[in-house]
Amino acid sequence: MIEKLLPTPKHPEETIKRSVMKTVIYRVIIVILDFLCVYIFTGKAEIAVGFMLVSNIYTSAVYFFNERIWDRIKWGQISYKKASK
């Protein structure tokens, strides 16, 4: 129902390059937030940096594979077919 109210962009399957770029940008934002939160709670930059590094290594990989898997799942996607001439 809500799809009728939204614009109808054509969403082709994502390339690996696009998924990598989305992952990198998302992780930069999360790195900053992780550092700030841990630093605010502990007051120690060393602990914040350590947490930030460890956390973001494994979560970046999980995010990337999650994006690639969901790109293959057709459930909930709207299919736009090209009009025949």
N, C-alpha and C. Protein backbone atom coordinates (compact mmCIF):
# COMPACT_ATOMS: atom_id res chain seq x y z
N MET A 1 0.81 -1.20 0.00
CA MET A 1 0.00 0.00 0.00
C MET A 1 0.85 1.26 0.00
N ILE A 2 1.85 1.30 0.88
CA ILE A 2 2.68 2.50 0.97
C ILE A 2 3.54 2.68 -0.28
N GLU A 3 3.80 1.58 -1.01
CA GLU A 3 4.60 1.68 -2.23
C GLU A 3 3.98 2.64 -3.24
N LYS A 4 2.65 2.75 -3.22
CA LYS A 4 1.96 3.65 -4.15
C LYS A 4 2.26 5.11 -3.85
N LEU A 5 2.60 5.41 -2.60
CA LEU A 5 2.87 6.79 -2.20
C LEU A 5 4.32 7.19 -2.43
N LEU A 6 5.19 6.22 -2.58
CA LEU A 6 6.61 6.50 -2.73
C LEU A 6 6.99 6.55 -4.20
N PRO A 7 8.08 7.27 -4.52
CA PRO A 7 8.56 7.24 -5.90
C PRO A 7 8.98 5.82 -6.27
N THR A 8 8.96 5.52 -7.53
CA THR A 8 9.26 4.17 -7.98
C THR A 8 10.61 4.11 -8.69
N PRO A 9 11.70 4.16 -7.92
CA PRO A 9 13.01 4.04 -8.55
C PRO A 9 13.25 2.62 -9.00
N LYS A 10 14.07 2.47 -10.02
CA LYS A 10 14.45 1.15 -10.46
C LYS A 10 15.67 0.74 -9.65
N HIS A 11 15.58 -0.36 -8.98
CA HIS A 11 16.66 -0.81 -8.11
C HIS A 11 17.29 -2.07 -8.69
N PRO A 12 18.33 -1.88 -9.50
CA PRO A 12 18.99 -3.06 -10.05
C PRO A 12 19.77 -3.78 -8.96
N GLU A 13 20.17 -5.00 -9.23
CA GLU A 13 20.99 -5.71 -8.27
C GLU A 13 22.27 -4.92 -8.06
N GLU A 14 22.78 -4.96 -6.85
CA GLU A 14 23.97 -4.19 -6.53
C GLU A 14 25.23 -4.90 -6.99
N THR A 15 26.20 -4.10 -7.40
CA THR A 15 27.51 -4.65 -7.74
C THR A 15 28.30 -4.82 -6.45
N ILE A 16 29.35 -5.61 -6.52
CA ILE A 16 30.21 -5.78 -5.36
C ILE A 16 30.86 -4.45 -5.00
N LYS A 17 31.22 -3.65 -6.00
CA LYS A 17 31.83 -2.35 -5.76
C LYS A 17 30.91 -1.46 -4.93
N ARG A 18 29.63 -1.45 -5.27
CA ARG A 18 28.65 -0.64 -4.52
C ARG A 18 28.51 -1.16 -3.09
N SER A 19 28.44 -2.48 -2.93
CA SER A 19 28.34 -3.05 -1.59
C SER A 19 29.56 -2.70 -0.74
N VAL A 20 30.74 -2.74 -1.35
CA VAL A 20 31.97 -2.39 -0.62
C VAL A 20 31.91 -0.93 -0.20
N MET A 21 31.51 -0.04 -1.09
CA MET A 21 31.45 1.39 -0.77
C MET A 21 30.44 1.66 0.35
N LYS A 22 29.27 1.03 0.27
CA LYS A 22 28.27 1.19 1.32
C LYS A 22 28.82 0.70 2.66
N THR A 23 29.54 -0.42 2.61
CA THR A 23 30.13 -0.97 3.83
C THR A 23 31.14 -0.01 4.43
N VAL A 24 32.02 0.53 3.60
CA VAL A 24 33.06 1.44 4.08
C VAL A 24 32.45 2.69 4.72
N ILE A 25 31.50 3.31 4.04
CA ILE A 25 30.88 4.53 4.57
C ILE A 25 30.15 4.23 5.88
N TYR A 26 29.40 3.14 5.92
CA TYR A 26 28.69 2.76 7.13
C TYR A 26 29.67 2.52 8.28
N ARG A 27 30.76 1.82 7.99
CA ARG A 27 31.72 1.51 9.04
C ARG A 27 32.44 2.75 9.56
N VAL A 28 32.71 3.74 8.71
CA VAL A 28 33.33 4.98 9.18
C VAL A 28 32.42 5.65 10.21
N ILE A 29 31.14 5.69 9.92
CA ILE A 29 30.19 6.28 10.86
C ILE A 29 30.17 5.49 12.16
N ILE A 30 30.14 4.17 12.08
CA ILE A 30 30.10 3.33 13.27
C ILE A 30 31.39 3.43 14.07
N VAL A 31 32.53 3.52 13.40
CA VAL A 31 33.82 3.67 14.10
C VAL A 31 33.79 4.92 14.97
N ILE A 32 33.33 6.01 14.41
CA ILE A 32 33.26 7.27 15.16
C ILE A 32 32.31 7.13 16.36
N LEU A 33 31.15 6.55 16.12
CA LEU A 33 30.19 6.37 17.21
C LEU A 33 30.71 5.42 18.28
N ASP A 34 31.34 4.32 17.87
CA ASP A 34 31.92 3.37 18.84
C ASP A 34 32.94 4.07 19.72
N PHE A 35 33.85 4.80 19.09
CA PHE A 35 34.89 5.48 19.86
C PHE A 35 34.27 6.47 20.85
N LEU A 36 33.37 7.30 20.37
CA LEU A 36 32.76 8.31 21.24
C LEU A 36 32.03 7.68 22.42
N CYS A 37 31.24 6.66 22.17
CA CYS A 37 30.47 6.03 23.25
C CYS A 37 31.39 5.40 24.30
N VAL A 38 32.36 4.62 23.85
CA VAL A 38 33.25 3.96 24.80
C VAL A 38 34.09 5.00 25.54
N TYR A 39 34.55 6.03 24.85
CA TYR A 39 35.34 7.07 25.51
C TYR A 39 34.51 7.83 26.54
N ILE A 40 33.27 8.12 26.22
CA ILE A 40 32.39 8.83 27.17
C ILE A 40 32.18 7.98 28.42
N PHE A 41 31.99 6.66 28.25
CA PHE A 41 31.74 5.79 29.40
C PHE A 41 32.99 5.49 30.22
N THR A 42 34.15 5.37 29.55
CA THR A 42 35.36 4.98 30.28
C THR A 42 36.30 6.15 30.55
N GLY A 43 36.28 7.15 29.67
CA GLY A 43 37.22 8.26 29.81
C GLY A 43 38.62 7.90 29.38
N LYS A 44 38.79 6.72 28.75
CA LYS A 44 40.12 6.25 28.34
C LYS A 44 40.15 6.01 26.84
N ALA A 45 41.01 6.78 26.18
CA ALA A 45 41.11 6.68 24.72
C ALA A 45 41.66 5.33 24.28
N GLU A 46 42.60 4.76 25.07
CA GLU A 46 43.20 3.47 24.70
C GLU A 46 42.14 2.37 24.65
N ILE A 47 41.26 2.34 25.62
CA ILE A 47 40.20 1.34 25.65
C ILE A 47 39.24 1.57 24.49
N ALA A 48 38.91 2.82 24.23
CA ALA A 48 37.99 3.15 23.14
C ALA A 48 38.56 2.73 21.79
N VAL A 49 39.84 2.99 21.57
CA VAL A 49 40.48 2.61 20.31
C VAL A 49 40.53 1.08 20.17
N GLY A 50 40.89 0.39 21.23
CA GLY A 50 40.95 -1.07 21.19
C GLY A 50 39.60 -1.68 20.86
N PHE A 51 38.56 -1.21 21.54
CA PHE A 51 37.22 -1.71 21.27
C PHE A 51 36.81 -1.41 19.84
N MET A 52 37.10 -0.18 19.41
CA MET A 52 36.73 0.27 18.07
C MET A 52 37.37 -0.63 17.01
N LEU A 53 38.63 -0.95 17.15
CA LEU A 53 39.33 -1.77 16.16
C LEU A 53 38.78 -3.20 16.11
N VAL A 54 38.71 -3.84 17.25
CA VAL A 54 38.26 -5.23 17.29
C VAL A 54 36.82 -5.35 16.80
N SER A 55 35.97 -4.50 17.31
CA SER A 55 34.55 -4.53 16.97
C SER A 55 34.32 -4.33 15.48
N ASN A 56 35.02 -3.40 14.90
CA ASN A 56 34.75 -3.05 13.51
C ASN A 56 35.37 -3.98 12.50
N ILE A 57 36.32 -4.77 12.89
CA ILE A 57 36.88 -5.75 11.95
C ILE A 57 35.84 -6.83 11.66
N TYR A 58 35.30 -7.44 12.70
CA TYR A 58 34.36 -8.54 12.44
C TYR A 58 32.98 -8.04 12.02
N THR A 59 32.55 -6.89 12.51
CA THR A 59 31.22 -6.42 12.10
C THR A 59 31.20 -5.92 10.66
N SER A 60 32.33 -5.44 10.16
CA SER A 60 32.39 -5.02 8.75
C SER A 60 32.20 -6.22 7.83
N ALA A 61 32.85 -7.32 8.15
CA ALA A 61 32.71 -8.52 7.34
C ALA A 61 31.27 -9.03 7.38
N VAL A 62 30.68 -9.05 8.57
CA VAL A 62 29.30 -9.52 8.70
C VAL A 62 28.35 -8.64 7.91
N TYR A 63 28.53 -7.32 7.98
CA TYR A 63 27.67 -6.39 7.25
C TYR A 63 27.78 -6.64 5.74
N PHE A 64 28.99 -6.78 5.23
CA PHE A 64 29.21 -6.98 3.80
C PHE A 64 28.48 -8.24 3.33
N PHE A 65 28.67 -9.36 4.03
CA PHE A 65 28.02 -10.60 3.61
C PHE A 65 26.51 -10.53 3.78
N ASN A 66 26.04 -9.84 4.79
CA ASN A 66 24.61 -9.64 4.97
C ASN A 66 24.01 -8.89 3.77
N GLU A 67 24.68 -7.85 3.31
CA GLU A 67 24.23 -7.09 2.14
C GLU A 67 24.17 -7.98 0.90
N ARG A 68 25.22 -8.78 0.68
CA ARG A 68 25.28 -9.63 -0.50
C ARG A 68 24.19 -10.72 -0.45
N ILE A 69 23.96 -11.28 0.71
CA ILE A 69 22.91 -12.30 0.84
C ILE A 69 21.54 -11.68 0.59
N TRP A 70 21.26 -10.54 1.20
CA TRP A 70 19.95 -9.91 1.02
C TRP A 70 19.73 -9.44 -0.42
N ASP A 71 20.80 -9.14 -1.13
CA ASP A 71 20.66 -8.75 -2.53
C ASP A 71 20.15 -9.91 -3.38
N ARG A 72 20.39 -11.14 -2.94
CA ARG A 72 19.92 -12.33 -3.66
C ARG A 72 18.51 -12.76 -3.26
N ILE A 73 18.03 -12.27 -2.13
CA ILE A 73 16.70 -12.64 -1.65
C ILE A 73 15.67 -11.73 -2.31
N LYS A 74 14.74 -12.32 -3.03
CA LYS A 74 13.76 -11.53 -3.78
C LYS A 74 12.55 -11.12 -2.94
N TRP A 75 12.37 -11.72 -1.76
CA TRP A 75 11.23 -11.40 -0.90
C TRP A 75 11.22 -9.91 -0.57
N GLY A 76 10.09 -9.28 -0.75
CA GLY A 76 9.93 -7.88 -0.39
C GLY A 76 10.43 -6.89 -1.43
N GLN A 77 10.97 -7.37 -2.53
CA GLN A 77 11.43 -6.47 -3.60
C GLN A 77 10.30 -6.25 -4.59
N ILE A 78 10.29 -5.07 -5.16
CA ILE A 78 9.33 -4.75 -6.21
C ILE A 78 10.04 -4.92 -7.53
N SER A 79 9.46 -5.69 -8.41
CA SER A 79 10.07 -5.94 -9.71
C SER A 79 9.54 -4.93 -10.73
N TYR A 80 10.46 -4.25 -11.39
CA TYR A 80 10.09 -3.31 -12.44
C TYR A 80 10.51 -3.89 -13.77
N LYS A 81 9.55 -4.08 -14.64
CA LYS A 81 9.86 -4.66 -15.95
C LYS A 81 9.90 -3.54 -16.97
N LYS A 82 10.84 -3.67 -17.91
CA LYS A 82 10.95 -2.68 -18.99
C LYS A 82 9.73 -2.80 -19.90
N ALA A 83 9.25 -1.65 -20.31
CA ALA A 83 8.08 -1.63 -21.20
C ALA A 83 8.51 -2.08 -22.60
N SER A 84 7.70 -2.89 -23.23
CA SER A 84 7.98 -3.35 -24.58
C SER A 84 7.60 -2.26 -25.57
N LYS A 85 8.39 -2.14 -26.63
CA LYS A 85 8.11 -1.12 -27.64
C LYS A 85 7.24 -1.67 -28.73
